Amino acid sequence: MIRRAILLAMPFLLLFLSLFVGRLDVGPGDVLRIVAAQLLPIQRSWPESVEIIVVQIRLPRALMAMCVGAGLSISGAAFQGMFRNPLVSPDVLGVSAASGFGAALAILLSRSTLELQVLALGFGLAGVAITYLLARVYQTTPVLMLVLSGVVVAAFFSALLSGAKYVADPESKLPAITYWLLGSFNAATLRTVVTVVPAIAVGTIGLLLVSWKLNLLSMGDEEARALGVRTEQLKAAIIVCTTLITAAAVSTSGVIGWVGLVMPHMARTLVGPDHRRLLPAALSVGASYLLVIDGVARTAVAVEIPIGILTAIVGAPYFAYLLRRTSGTWQ
């Protein structure tokens, strides 16, 4: 019970802490008053610049980091259960490569931030749709075919992305594409939050609703069908939900690796393999992790560190530790 309470409170505590951590020191009391002033008629006794930093810069960024971390983590947990493979991450079906190409195309064409997000989201959804259609065999979608089709689609869109980088202007467009692919919440705004968070929320709710069926699906297709689960419909629903979450996350923050791979394992060590407990725990752990990483990214050095670099630096050693501790078995 105590562990559940901690998991529930941890993301919101870190969200509050992230509002007064940064280059400009803002006390917790000031942060509380500034946030309350957005809802209540409180007399403003602080500089307008401080309110802009807290409300228009730090708050959207923290909300986006929390939602993206939670979404990628629960997507990874759902895919690892569906594929029965501990090495699966949310981009296994090619969504990240397809979304990356969509964003690179938008940068090449000098489109606005909103158009970049729409193109990245659209290409991500299209990439997974192609993967799913390629994997269909006699009205079924075998797990192995899904993985292999995802490899094919990811390779194809990665080639297109490399072509886009090759023809990009090396003085302006190429650095922009490269920086975007490394991942960052620097461009997060309240408008972005309102646009992207609902998509992540819909996908998350969908996964939580089928969490108990994931326990049966993780036993194998034949066992799940014997227990009355419509495995093809369930797989399609999981793929739609995870793709919506991942494409929405990538469209606004770039490609952030290792979160959807490592955080589900961390959640599994805390609450066990039961997906009814694992998926909510993955939400909490992923949200908390990316809030901490984002705080380090914007405060550790004078120049902001791309999120993808830090998640790889932290995630790879932790995954290696898990590998050695479990001797390659998934418990």
C-alpha atoms as a PDB file:
ATOM      1  CA  MET A   1       0.000   0.000   0.000  1.00  0.00           C
ATOM      2  CA  ILE A   2       2.823   2.375   0.889  1.00  0.00           C
ATOM      3  CA  ARG A   3       4.627   1.522  -2.339  1.00  0.00           C
ATOM      4  CA  ARG A   4       1.510   2.327  -4.368  1.00  0.00           C
ATOM      5  CA  ALA A   5       1.125   5.668  -2.604  1.00  0.00           C
ATOM      6  CA  ILE A   6       4.753   6.537  -3.325  1.00  0.00           C
ATOM      7  CA  LEU A   7       4.394   5.581  -6.989  1.00  0.00           C
ATOM      8  CA  LEU A   8       1.255   7.698  -7.259  1.00  0.00           C
ATOM      9  CA  ALA A   9       2.734  10.775  -5.578  1.00  0.00           C
ATOM     10  CA  MET A  10       6.251  10.682  -7.027  1.00  0.00           C
ATOM     11  CA  PRO A  11       5.517  12.141 -10.513  1.00  0.00           C
ATOM     12  CA  PHE A  12       3.507  15.030  -9.103  1.00  0.00           C
ATOM     13  CA  LEU A  13       6.164  15.820  -6.505  1.00  0.00           C
ATOM     14  CA  LEU A  14       8.842  15.859  -9.203  1.00  0.00           C
ATOM     15  CA  LEU A  15       6.573  17.975 -11.411  1.00  0.00           C
ATOM     16  CA  PHE A  16       6.382  20.581  -8.648  1.00  0.00           C
ATOM     17  CA  LEU A  17      10.128  20.424  -7.999  1.00  0.00           C
ATOM     18  CA  SER A  18      10.870  20.990 -11.690  1.00  0.00           C
ATOM     19  CA  LEU A  19       9.048  24.341 -11.574  1.00  0.00           C
ATOM     20  CA  PHE A  20      11.597  25.993  -9.293  1.00  0.00           C
ATOM     21  CA  VAL A  21      14.723  24.181 -10.507  1.00  0.00           C
ATOM     22  CA  GLY A  22      16.599  26.041 -13.224  1.00  0.00           C
ATOM     23  CA  ARG A  23      18.971  28.856 -14.054  1.00  0.00           C
ATOM     24  CA  LEU A  24      16.725  31.353 -12.288  1.00  0.00           C
ATOM     25  CA  ASP A  25      16.109  30.508  -8.651  1.00  0.00           C
ATOM     26  CA  VAL A  26      12.406  30.643  -7.789  1.00  0.00           C
ATOM     27  CA  GLY A  27      11.374  29.573  -4.309  1.00  0.00           C
ATOM     28  CA  PRO A  28       8.709  26.912  -3.704  1.00  0.00           C
ATOM     29  CA  GLY A  29       6.444  29.481  -2.084  1.00  0.00           C
ATOM     30  CA  ASP A  30       6.666  31.766  -5.091  1.00  0.00           C
ATOM     31  CA  VAL A  31       5.938  28.861  -7.412  1.00  0.00           C
ATOM     32  CA  LEU A  32       2.829  27.958  -5.421  1.00  0.00           C
ATOM     33  CA  ARG A  33       1.566  31.538  -5.506  1.00  0.00           C
ATOM     34  CA  ILE A  34       2.298  31.920  -9.228  1.00  0.00           C
ATOM     35  CA  VAL A  35       0.463  28.709 -10.101  1.00  0.00           C
ATOM     36  CA  ALA A  36      -2.433  29.586  -7.799  1.00  0.00           C
ATOM     37  CA  ALA A  37      -2.660  33.031  -9.411  1.00  0.00           C
ATOM     38  CA  GLN A  38      -3.567  31.366 -12.703  1.00  0.00           C
ATOM     39  CA  LEU A  39      -6.751  30.066 -11.091  1.00  0.00           C
ATOM     40  CA  LEU A  40      -7.499  32.440  -8.216  1.00  0.00           C
ATOM     41  CA  PRO A  41      -7.599  36.260  -7.921  1.00  0.00           C
ATOM     42  CA  ILE A  42      -4.293  36.621  -6.056  1.00  0.00           C
ATOM     43  CA  GLN A  43      -2.398  39.901  -6.022  1.00  0.00           C
ATOM     44  CA  ARG A  44       0.815  39.553  -7.994  1.00  0.00           C
ATOM     45  CA  SER A  45       3.867  40.564  -5.949  1.00  0.00           C
ATOM     46  CA  TRP A  46       6.479  39.036  -8.234  1.00  0.00           C
ATOM     47  CA  PRO A  47       8.066  40.245 -11.479  1.00  0.00           C
ATOM     48  CA  GLU A  48       6.200  39.410 -14.660  1.00  0.00           C
ATOM     49  CA  SER A  49       9.345  37.798 -16.072  1.00  0.00           C
ATOM     50  CA  VAL A  50       9.352  35.231 -13.261  1.00  0.00           C
ATOM     51  CA  GLU A  51       5.729  34.322 -13.973  1.00  0.00           C
ATOM     52  CA  ILE A  52       6.512  33.891 -17.670  1.00  0.00           C
ATOM     53  CA  ILE A  53       9.409  31.555 -16.862  1.00  0.00           C
ATOM     54  CA  VAL A  54       7.324  29.404 -14.512  1.00  0.00           C
ATOM     55  CA  VAL A  55       4.011  29.327 -16.409  1.00  0.00           C
ATOM     56  CA  GLN A  56       5.030  29.559 -20.047  1.00  0.00           C
ATOM     57  CA  ILE A  57       8.414  27.801 -20.046  1.00  0.00           C
ATOM     58  CA  ARG A  58       8.909  25.440 -17.117  1.00  0.00           C
ATOM     59  CA  LEU A  59       5.310  24.247 -16.623  1.00  0.00           C
ATOM     60  CA  PRO A  60       4.651  23.162 -20.258  1.00  0.00           C
ATOM     61  CA  ARG A  61       8.058  21.541 -20.443  1.00  0.00           C
ATOM     62  CA  ALA A  62       7.554  19.612 -17.208  1.00  0.00           C
ATOM     63  CA  LEU A  63       4.051  18.506 -18.217  1.00  0.00           C
ATOM     64  CA  MET A  64       5.313  17.330 -21.592  1.00  0.00           C
ATOM     65  CA  ALA A  65       8.237  15.436 -20.027  1.00  0.00           C
ATOM     66  CA  MET A  66       5.909  13.739 -17.560  1.00  0.00           C
ATOM     67  CA  CYS A  67       3.366  12.731 -20.220  1.00  0.00           C
ATOM     68  CA  VAL A  68       5.952  11.568 -22.772  1.00  0.00           C
ATOM     69  CA  GLY A  69       7.846   9.551 -20.158  1.00  0.00           C
ATOM     70  CA  ALA A  70       4.650   7.934 -18.902  1.00  0.00           C
ATOM     71  CA  GLY A  71       3.417   7.214 -22.428  1.00  0.00           C
ATOM     72  CA  LEU A  72       6.657   5.669 -23.702  1.00  0.00           C
ATOM     73  CA  SER A  73       7.019   3.579 -20.563  1.00  0.00           C
ATOM     74  CA  ILE A  74       3.506   2.107 -20.627  1.00  0.00           C
ATOM     75  CA  SER A  75       3.823   1.485 -24.372  1.00  0.00           C
ATOM     76  CA  GLY A  76       7.037  -0.441 -23.817  1.00  0.00           C
ATOM     77  CA  ALA A  77       5.450  -2.487 -21.021  1.00  0.00           C
ATOM     78  CA  ALA A  78       2.452  -3.341 -23.208  1.00  0.00           C
ATOM     79  CA  PHE A  79       4.636  -4.348 -26.174  1.00  0.00           C
ATOM     80  CA  GLN A  80       6.945  -6.457 -24.012  1.00  0.00           C
ATOM     81  CA  GLY A  81       3.917  -8.347 -22.767  1.00  0.00           C
ATOM     82  CA  MET A  82       2.329  -8.719 -26.192  1.00  0.00           C
ATOM     83  CA  PHE A  83       5.542  -9.833 -27.911  1.00  0.00           C
ATOM     84  CA  ARG A  84       6.721 -11.818 -24.847  1.00  0.00           C
ATOM     85  CA  ASN A  85      10.144 -10.301 -25.396  1.00  0.00           C
ATOM     86  CA  PRO A  86      12.108  -8.172 -22.882  1.00  0.00           C
ATOM     87  CA  LEU A  87      14.038  -6.432 -25.675  1.00  0.00           C
ATOM     88  CA  VAL A  88      10.987  -4.857 -27.294  1.00  0.00           C
ATOM     89  CA  SER A  89      10.499  -1.088 -27.178  1.00  0.00           C
ATOM     90  CA  PRO A  90       7.717   1.166 -28.535  1.00  0.00           C
ATOM     91  CA  ASP A  91       9.578   1.805 -31.795  1.00  0.00           C
ATOM     92  CA  VAL A  92       9.782  -1.875 -32.757  1.00  0.00           C
ATOM     93  CA  LEU A  93       7.133  -1.388 -35.475  1.00  0.00           C
ATOM     94  CA  GLY A  94       8.962   1.516 -37.117  1.00  0.00           C
ATOM     95  CA  VAL A  95       6.998   4.414 -35.657  1.00  0.00           C
ATOM     96  CA  SER A  96      10.073   6.396 -34.565  1.00  0.00           C
ATOM     97  CA  ALA A  97      11.827   6.096 -37.922  1.00  0.00           C
ATOM     98  CA  ALA A  98       8.669   7.083 -39.800  1.00  0.00           C
ATOM     99  CA  SER A  99       7.952  10.022 -37.486  1.00  0.00           C
ATOM    100  CA  GLY A 100      11.577  11.129 -37.743  1.00  0.00           C
ATOM    101  CA  PHE A 101      11.333  11.244 -41.512  1.00  0.00           C
ATOM    102  CA  GLY A 102       8.090  13.236 -41.305  1.00  0.00           C
ATOM    103  CA  ALA A 103       9.730  15.792 -39.036  1.00  0.00           C
ATOM    104  CA  ALA A 104      12.845  15.981 -41.229  1.00  0.00           C
ATOM    105  CA  LEU A 105      10.637  16.558 -44.267  1.00  0.00           C
ATOM    106  CA  ALA A 106       8.852  19.400 -42.465  1.00  0.00           C
ATOM    107  CA  ILE A 107      12.194  21.001 -41.549  1.00  0.00           C
ATOM    108  CA  LEU A 108      13.414  20.643 -45.139  1.00  0.00           C
ATOM    109  CA  LEU A 109      10.274  22.400 -46.381  1.00  0.00           C
ATOM    110  CA  SER A 110      10.615  25.137 -43.709  1.00  0.00           C
ATOM    111  CA  ARG A 111       7.216  24.370 -42.193  1.00  0.00           C
ATOM    112  CA  SER A 112       5.907  25.687 -38.890  1.00  0.00           C
ATOM    113  CA  THR A 113       6.164  23.803 -35.605  1.00  0.00           C
ATOM    114  CA  LEU A 114       2.524  22.753 -35.796  1.00  0.00           C
ATOM    115  CA  GLU A 115       2.957  21.421 -39.335  1.00  0.00           C
ATOM    116  CA  LEU A 116       6.083  19.560 -38.201  1.00  0.00           C
ATOM    117  CA  GLN A 117       4.095  17.860 -35.437  1.00  0.00           C
ATOM    118  CA  VAL A 118       1.279  16.948 -37.833  1.00  0.00           C
ATOM    119  CA  LEU A 119       3.669  15.488 -40.411  1.00  0.00           C
ATOM    120  CA  ALA A 120       5.613  13.547 -37.782  1.00  0.00           C
ATOM    121  CA  LEU A 121       2.416  12.175 -36.270  1.00  0.00           C
ATOM    122  CA  GLY A 122       0.953  11.314 -39.668  1.00  0.00           C
ATOM    123  CA  PHE A 123       4.067   9.528 -40.926  1.00  0.00           C
ATOM    124  CA  GLY A 124       4.372   7.636 -37.636  1.00  0.00           C
ATOM    125  CA  LEU A 125       0.814   6.329 -37.898  1.00  0.00           C
ATOM    126  CA  ALA A 126       1.316   5.513 -41.579  1.00  0.00           C
ATOM    127  CA  GLY A 127       4.544   3.622 -40.880  1.00  0.00           C
ATOM    128  CA  VAL A 128       2.905   1.353 -38.321  1.00  0.00           C
ATOM    129  CA  ALA A 129      -0.101   0.838 -40.600  1.00  0.00           C
ATOM    130  CA  ILE A 130       2.281  -0.403 -43.313  1.00  0.00           C
ATOM    131  CA  THR A 131       3.980  -2.689 -40.791  1.00  0.00           C
ATOM    132  CA  TYR A 132       0.656  -4.149 -39.702  1.00  0.00           C
ATOM    133  CA  LEU A 133      -0.503  -4.751 -43.280  1.00  0.00           C
ATOM    134  CA  LEU A 134       2.804  -6.417 -44.178  1.00  0.00           C
ATOM    135  CA  ALA A 135       2.509  -8.715 -41.161  1.00  0.00           C
ATOM    136  CA  ARG A 136      -0.991  -9.962 -42.000  1.00  0.00           C
ATOM    137  CA  VAL A 137      -0.920 -13.657 -42.940  1.00  0.00           C
ATOM    138  CA  TYR A 138      -4.264 -15.344 -43.616  1.00  0.00           C
ATOM    139  CA  GLN A 139      -6.125 -12.834 -41.455  1.00  0.00           C
ATOM    140  CA  THR A 140      -3.683 -13.275 -38.573  1.00  0.00           C
ATOM    141  CA  THR A 141      -0.708 -11.215 -37.398  1.00  0.00           C
ATOM    142  CA  PRO A 142       2.023 -13.522 -36.053  1.00  0.00           C
ATOM    143  CA  VAL A 143       4.389 -11.874 -33.608  1.00  0.00           C
ATOM    144  CA  LEU A 144       7.452 -12.818 -35.645  1.00  0.00           C
ATOM    145  CA  MET A 145       5.935 -11.285 -38.781  1.00  0.00           C
ATOM    146  CA  LEU A 146       5.191  -8.070 -36.889  1.00  0.00           C
ATOM    147  CA  VAL A 147       8.782  -7.785 -35.715  1.00  0.00           C
ATOM    148  CA  LEU A 148      10.254  -8.547 -39.132  1.00  0.00           C
ATOM    149  CA  SER A 149       7.852  -6.146 -40.857  1.00  0.00           C
ATOM    150  CA  GLY A 150       8.791  -3.484 -38.313  1.00  0.00           C
ATOM    151  CA  VAL A 151      12.477  -3.996 -39.156  1.00  0.00           C
ATOM    152  CA  VAL A 152      11.713  -3.576 -42.861  1.00  0.00           C
ATOM    153  CA  VAL A 153       9.623  -0.421 -42.403  1.00  0.00           C
ATOM    154  CA  ALA A 154      12.118   1.112 -39.954  1.00  0.00           C
ATOM    155  CA  ALA A 155      14.968   0.455 -42.404  1.00  0.00           C
ATOM    156  CA  PHE A 156      13.001   2.012 -45.257  1.00  0.00           C
ATOM    157  CA  PHE A 157      12.147   5.192 -43.394  1.00  0.00           C
ATOM    158  CA  SER A 158      15.653   5.388 -41.935  1.00  0.00           C
ATOM    159  CA  ALA A 159      16.960   5.384 -45.513  1.00  0.00           C
ATOM    160  CA  LEU A 160      14.546   8.170 -46.428  1.00  0.00           C
ATOM    161  CA  LEU A 161      15.656  10.093 -43.342  1.00  0.00           C
ATOM    162  CA  SER A 162      19.309   9.692 -44.354  1.00  0.00           C
ATOM    163  CA  GLY A 163      18.416  10.983 -47.808  1.00  0.00           C
ATOM    164  CA  ALA A 164      16.695  14.003 -46.292  1.00  0.00           C
ATOM    165  CA  LYS A 165      19.780  14.753 -44.202  1.00  0.00           C
ATOM    166  CA  TYR A 166      21.990  14.331 -47.269  1.00  0.00           C
ATOM    167  CA  VAL A 167      20.128  16.973 -49.286  1.00  0.00           C
ATOM    168  CA  ALA A 168      19.603  19.332 -46.331  1.00  0.00           C
ATOM    169  CA  ASP A 169      21.427  22.650 -46.170  1.00  0.00           C
ATOM    170  CA  PRO A 170      24.474  21.934 -43.954  1.00  0.00           C
ATOM    171  CA  GLU A 171      24.416  25.468 -42.550  1.00  0.00           C
ATOM    172  CA  SER A 172      20.843  25.531 -41.248  1.00  0.00           C
ATOM    173  CA  LYS A 173      18.552  22.599 -42.053  1.00  0.00           C
ATOM    174  CA  LEU A 174      20.951  19.748 -41.257  1.00  0.00           C
ATOM    175  CA  PRO A 175      21.772  20.960 -37.717  1.00  0.00           C
ATOM    176  CA  ALA A 176      18.043  21.475 -37.060  1.00  0.00           C
ATOM    177  CA  ILE A 177      17.213  17.937 -38.174  1.00  0.00           C
ATOM    178  CA  THR A 178      20.083  16.451 -36.182  1.00  0.00           C
ATOM    179  CA  TYR A 179      19.148  18.343 -33.005  1.00  0.00           C
ATOM    180  CA  TRP A 180      15.489  17.393 -33.333  1.00  0.00           C
ATOM    181  CA  LEU A 181      16.348  13.709 -33.698  1.00  0.00           C
ATOM    182  CA  LEU A 182      18.343  13.813 -30.444  1.00  0.00           C
ATOM    183  CA  GLY A 183      15.193  14.712 -28.508  1.00  0.00           C
ATOM    184  CA  SER A 184      14.328  17.807 -26.499  1.00  0.00           C
ATOM    185  CA  PHE A 185      11.424  19.504 -24.723  1.00  0.00           C
ATOM    186  CA  ASN A 186      12.795  22.939 -25.498  1.00  0.00           C
ATOM    187  CA  ALA A 187       9.930  23.756 -27.886  1.00  0.00           C
ATOM    188  CA  ALA A 188       7.157  22.677 -25.506  1.00  0.00           C
ATOM    189  CA  THR A 189       4.397  25.246 -25.007  1.00  0.00           C
ATOM    190  CA  LEU A 190       0.954  25.204 -23.432  1.00  0.00           C
ATOM    191  CA  ARG A 191      -0.459  24.901 -26.953  1.00  0.00           C
ATOM    192  CA  THR A 192       1.695  21.843 -27.567  1.00  0.00           C
ATOM    193  CA  VAL A 193       0.523  20.302 -24.319  1.00  0.00           C
ATOM    194  CA  VAL A 194      -3.132  20.845 -25.233  1.00  0.00           C
ATOM    195  CA  THR A 195      -2.528  19.351 -28.680  1.00  0.00           C
ATOM    196  CA  VAL A 196      -0.438  16.303 -27.794  1.00  0.00           C
ATOM    197  CA  VAL A 197      -1.461  15.238 -24.291  1.00  0.00           C
ATOM    198  CA  PRO A 198      -5.031  14.186 -25.260  1.00  0.00           C
ATOM    199  CA  ALA A 199      -3.641  11.733 -27.823  1.00  0.00           C
ATOM    200  CA  ILE A 200      -1.270  10.260 -25.232  1.00  0.00           C
ATOM    201  CA  ALA A 201      -4.110  10.107 -22.693  1.00  0.00           C
ATOM    202  CA  VAL A 202      -6.436   8.243 -25.083  1.00  0.00           C
ATOM    203  CA  GLY A 203      -3.781   5.644 -25.863  1.00  0.00           C
ATOM    204  CA  THR A 204      -2.894   5.269 -22.189  1.00  0.00           C
ATOM    205  CA  ILE A 205      -6.499   4.741 -21.121  1.00  0.00           C
ATOM    206  CA  GLY A 206      -6.932   2.159 -23.862  1.00  0.00           C
ATOM    207  CA  LEU A 207      -3.927   0.171 -22.624  1.00  0.00           C
ATOM    208  CA  LEU A 208      -5.102   0.333 -19.016  1.00  0.00           C
ATOM    209  CA  LEU A 209      -8.520  -1.011 -20.029  1.00  0.00           C
ATOM    210  CA  VAL A 210      -6.982  -4.133 -21.606  1.00  0.00           C
ATOM    211  CA  SER A 211      -4.268  -4.648 -18.982  1.00  0.00           C
ATOM    212  CA  TRP A 212      -5.868  -7.816 -17.595  1.00  0.00           C
ATOM    213  CA  LYS A 213      -6.089  -9.321 -21.095  1.00  0.00           C
ATOM    214  CA  LEU A 214      -2.373  -8.674 -21.557  1.00  0.00           C
ATOM    215  CA  ASN A 215      -1.745 -11.209 -18.799  1.00  0.00           C
ATOM    216  CA  LEU A 216      -3.470 -13.828 -20.940  1.00  0.00           C
ATOM    217  CA  LEU A 217      -1.847 -12.694 -24.191  1.00  0.00           C
ATOM    218  CA  SER A 218       1.610 -12.901 -22.634  1.00  0.00           C
ATOM    219  CA  MET A 219       0.979 -16.630 -22.123  1.00  0.00           C
ATOM    220  CA  GLY A 220       0.811 -17.139 -25.894  1.00  0.00           C
ATOM    221  CA  ASP A 221      -1.811 -16.802 -28.611  1.00  0.00           C
ATOM    222  CA  GLU A 222      -3.142 -20.342 -28.343  1.00  0.00           C
ATOM    223  CA  GLU A 223      -3.534 -20.207 -24.568  1.00  0.00           C
ATOM    224  CA  ALA A 224      -5.200 -16.799 -24.769  1.00  0.00           C
ATOM    225  CA  ARG A 225      -7.658 -17.990 -27.436  1.00  0.00           C
ATOM    226  CA  ALA A 226      -8.450 -21.048 -25.334  1.00  0.00           C
ATOM    227  CA  LEU A 227      -9.406 -18.705 -22.496  1.00  0.00           C
ATOM    228  CA  GLY A 228     -11.767 -16.724 -24.732  1.00  0.00           C
ATOM    229  CA  VAL A 229      -9.537 -13.797 -25.765  1.00  0.00           C
ATOM    230  CA  ARG A 230      -9.880 -12.507 -29.306  1.00  0.00           C
ATOM    231  CA  THR A 231      -6.169 -12.241 -29.843  1.00  0.00           C
ATOM    232  CA  GLU A 232      -6.189 -10.495 -33.235  1.00  0.00           C
ATOM    233  CA  GLN A 233      -8.543  -7.758 -32.082  1.00  0.00           C
ATOM    234  CA  LEU A 234      -6.536  -7.367 -28.871  1.00  0.00           C
ATOM    235  CA  LYS A 235      -3.239  -7.075 -30.758  1.00  0.00           C
ATOM    236  CA  ALA A 236      -4.741  -4.499 -33.096  1.00  0.00           C
ATOM    237  CA  ALA A 237      -6.055  -2.466 -30.148  1.00  0.00           C
ATOM    238  CA  ILE A 238      -2.683  -2.553 -28.376  1.00  0.00           C
ATOM    239  CA  ILE A 239      -0.845  -1.558 -31.555  1.00  0.00           C
ATOM    240  CA  VAL A 240      -3.236   1.354 -32.168  1.00  0.00           C
ATOM    241  CA  CYS A 241      -2.885   2.634 -28.597  1.00  0.00           C
ATOM    242  CA  THR A 242       0.896   2.326 -28.429  1.00  0.00           C
ATOM    243  CA  THR A 243       1.334   3.841 -31.882  1.00  0.00           C
ATOM    244  CA  LEU A 244      -0.854   6.808 -30.998  1.00  0.00           C
ATOM    245  CA  ILE A 245       1.165   7.406 -27.830  1.00  0.00           C
ATOM    246  CA  THR A 246       4.579   6.970 -29.431  1.00  0.00           C
ATOM    247  CA  ALA A 247       3.823   8.975 -32.573  1.00  0.00           C
ATOM    248  CA  ALA A 248       2.405  11.827 -30.488  1.00  0.00           C
ATOM    249  CA  ALA A 249       5.464  11.780 -28.219  1.00  0.00           C
ATOM    250  CA  VAL A 250       7.957  11.690 -31.081  1.00  0.00           C
ATOM    251  CA  SER A 251       6.110  14.419 -32.978  1.00  0.00           C
ATOM    252  CA  THR A 252       6.661  16.921 -30.184  1.00  0.00           C
ATOM    253  CA  SER A 253       9.912  15.890 -28.484  1.00  0.00           C
ATOM    254  CA  GLY A 254      11.904  13.998 -31.097  1.00  0.00           C
ATOM    255  CA  VAL A 255      13.275  10.492 -30.772  1.00  0.00           C
ATOM    256  CA  ILE A 256      13.884   9.630 -27.117  1.00  0.00           C
ATOM    257  CA  GLY A 257      15.307   6.152 -26.754  1.00  0.00           C
ATOM    258  CA  TRP A 258      15.645   3.689 -23.870  1.00  0.00           C
ATOM    259  CA  VAL A 259      12.657   4.988 -21.880  1.00  0.00           C
ATOM    260  CA  GLY A 260      10.211   2.474 -23.337  1.00  0.00           C
ATOM    261  CA  LEU A 261      12.787  -0.315 -23.071  1.00  0.00           C
ATOM    262  CA  VAL A 262      14.252   0.139 -19.593  1.00  0.00           C
ATOM    263  CA  MET A 263      11.496   1.745 -17.501  1.00  0.00           C
ATOM    264  CA  PRO A 264       9.081  -1.220 -17.799  1.00  0.00           C
ATOM    265  CA  HIS A 265      11.817  -3.451 -16.374  1.00  0.00           C
ATOM    266  CA  MET A 266      12.301  -1.065 -13.466  1.00  0.00           C
ATOM    267  CA  ALA A 267       8.545  -1.061 -12.836  1.00  0.00           C
ATOM    268  CA  ARG A 268       8.494  -4.859 -13.045  1.00  0.00           C
ATOM    269  CA  THR A 269      11.098  -5.116 -10.290  1.00  0.00           C
ATOM    270  CA  LEU A 270       8.833  -2.983  -8.065  1.00  0.00           C
ATOM    271  CA  VAL A 271       5.395  -4.544  -8.599  1.00  0.00           C
ATOM    272  CA  GLY A 272       5.924  -7.817 -10.466  1.00  0.00           C
ATOM    273  CA  PRO A 273       4.771  -9.037 -13.897  1.00  0.00           C
ATOM    274  CA  ASP A 274       0.995  -8.684 -13.428  1.00  0.00           C
ATOM    275  CA  HIS A 275       0.021  -6.102 -16.075  1.00  0.00           C
ATOM    276  CA  ARG A 276      -2.848  -4.813 -13.938  1.00  0.00           C
ATOM    277  CA  ARG A 277      -0.197  -3.445 -11.585  1.00  0.00           C
ATOM    278  CA  LEU A 278       2.694  -3.189 -14.034  1.00  0.00           C
ATOM    279  CA  LEU A 279       1.116  -0.701 -16.454  1.00  0.00           C
ATOM    280  CA  PRO A 280       0.185   1.891 -13.766  1.00  0.00           C
ATOM    281  CA  ALA A 281       3.620   1.455 -12.193  1.00  0.00           C
ATOM    282  CA  ALA A 282       5.259   1.955 -15.599  1.00  0.00           C
ATOM    283  CA  LEU A 283       3.314   5.209 -15.966  1.00  0.00           C
ATOM    284  CA  SER A 284       4.682   6.506 -12.663  1.00  0.00           C
ATOM    285  CA  VAL A 285       8.264   5.335 -13.168  1.00  0.00           C
ATOM    286  CA  GLY A 286       8.482   6.626 -16.752  1.00  0.00           C
ATOM    287  CA  ALA A 287       7.022  10.020 -15.876  1.00  0.00           C
ATOM    288  CA  SER A 288       9.334  10.438 -12.882  1.00  0.00           C
ATOM    289  CA  TYR A 289      12.396   9.315 -14.809  1.00  0.00           C
ATOM    290  CA  LEU A 290      11.939  11.724 -17.694  1.00  0.00           C
ATOM    291  CA  LEU A 291      11.195  14.622 -15.323  1.00  0.00           C
ATOM    292  CA  VAL A 292      14.530  13.982 -13.596  1.00  0.00           C
ATOM    293  CA  ILE A 293      16.369  13.590 -16.907  1.00  0.00           C
ATOM    294  CA  ASP A 294      14.887  16.818 -18.261  1.00  0.00           C
ATOM    295  CA  GLY A 295      15.907  18.664 -15.097  1.00  0.00           C
ATOM    296  CA  VAL A 296      19.481  17.463 -15.538  1.00  0.00           C
ATOM    297  CA  ALA A 297      19.424  18.305 -19.253  1.00  0.00           C
ATOM    298  CA  ARG A 298      18.602  21.969 -18.680  1.00  0.00           C
ATOM    299  CA  THR A 299      20.675  22.622 -15.556  1.00  0.00           C
ATOM    300  CA  ALA A 300      23.807  20.439 -15.687  1.00  0.00           C
ATOM    301  CA  VAL A 301      25.814  22.631 -18.087  1.00  0.00           C
ATOM    302  CA  ALA A 302      25.495  26.033 -19.700  1.00  0.00           C
ATOM    303  CA  VAL A 303      24.034  24.594 -22.915  1.00  0.00           C
ATOM    304  CA  GLU A 304      21.018  22.292 -22.809  1.00  0.00           C
ATOM    305  CA  ILE A 305      21.875  18.617 -23.304  1.00  0.00           C
ATOM    306  CA  PRO A 306      19.625  16.694 -25.719  1.00  0.00           C
ATOM    307  CA  ILE A 307      17.357  14.290 -23.849  1.00  0.00           C
ATOM    308  CA  GLY A 308      18.241  11.325 -26.047  1.00  0.00           C
ATOM    309  CA  ILE A 309      21.897  11.502 -25.039  1.00  0.00           C
ATOM    310  CA  LEU A 310      21.127  11.367 -21.320  1.00  0.00           C
ATOM    311  CA  THR A 311      18.539   8.582 -21.589  1.00  0.00           C
ATOM    312  CA  ALA A 312      21.082   6.444 -23.447  1.00  0.00           C
ATOM    313  CA  ILE A 313      23.866   7.216 -20.955  1.00  0.00           C
ATOM    314  CA  VAL A 314      21.621   6.211 -18.036  1.00  0.00           C
ATOM    315  CA  GLY A 315      19.559   3.505 -19.721  1.00  0.00           C
ATOM    316  CA  ALA A 316      22.298   1.409 -21.297  1.00  0.00           C
ATOM    317  CA  PRO A 317      24.270   0.743 -18.064  1.00  0.00           C
ATOM    318  CA  TYR A 318      21.058   0.005 -16.137  1.00  0.00           C
ATOM    319  CA  PHE A 319      19.927  -2.451 -18.802  1.00  0.00           C
ATOM    320  CA  ALA A 320      23.367  -4.090 -18.702  1.00  0.00           C
ATOM    321  CA  TYR A 321      22.983  -4.428 -14.919  1.00  0.00           C
ATOM    322  CA  LEU A 322      19.588  -6.081 -15.354  1.00  0.00           C
ATOM    323  CA  LEU A 323      21.026  -8.413 -17.957  1.00  0.00           C
ATOM    324  CA  ARG A 324      23.780  -9.560 -15.631  1.00  0.00           C
ATOM    325  CA  ARG A 325      21.506  -9.847 -12.619  1.00  0.00           C
ATOM    326  CA  THR A 326      18.941 -12.007 -14.424  1.00  0.00           C
ATOM    327  CA  SER A 327      21.524 -13.942 -16.491  1.00  0.00           C
ATOM    328  CA  GLY A 328      19.549 -13.168 -19.630  1.00  0.00           C
ATOM    329  CA  THR A 329      16.231 -14.550 -18.348  1.00  0.00           C
ATOM    330  CA  TRP A 330      13.061 -12.457 -18.125  1.00  0.00           C
ATOM    331  CA  GLN A 331      11.281 -12.864 -14.820  1.00  0.00           C
END
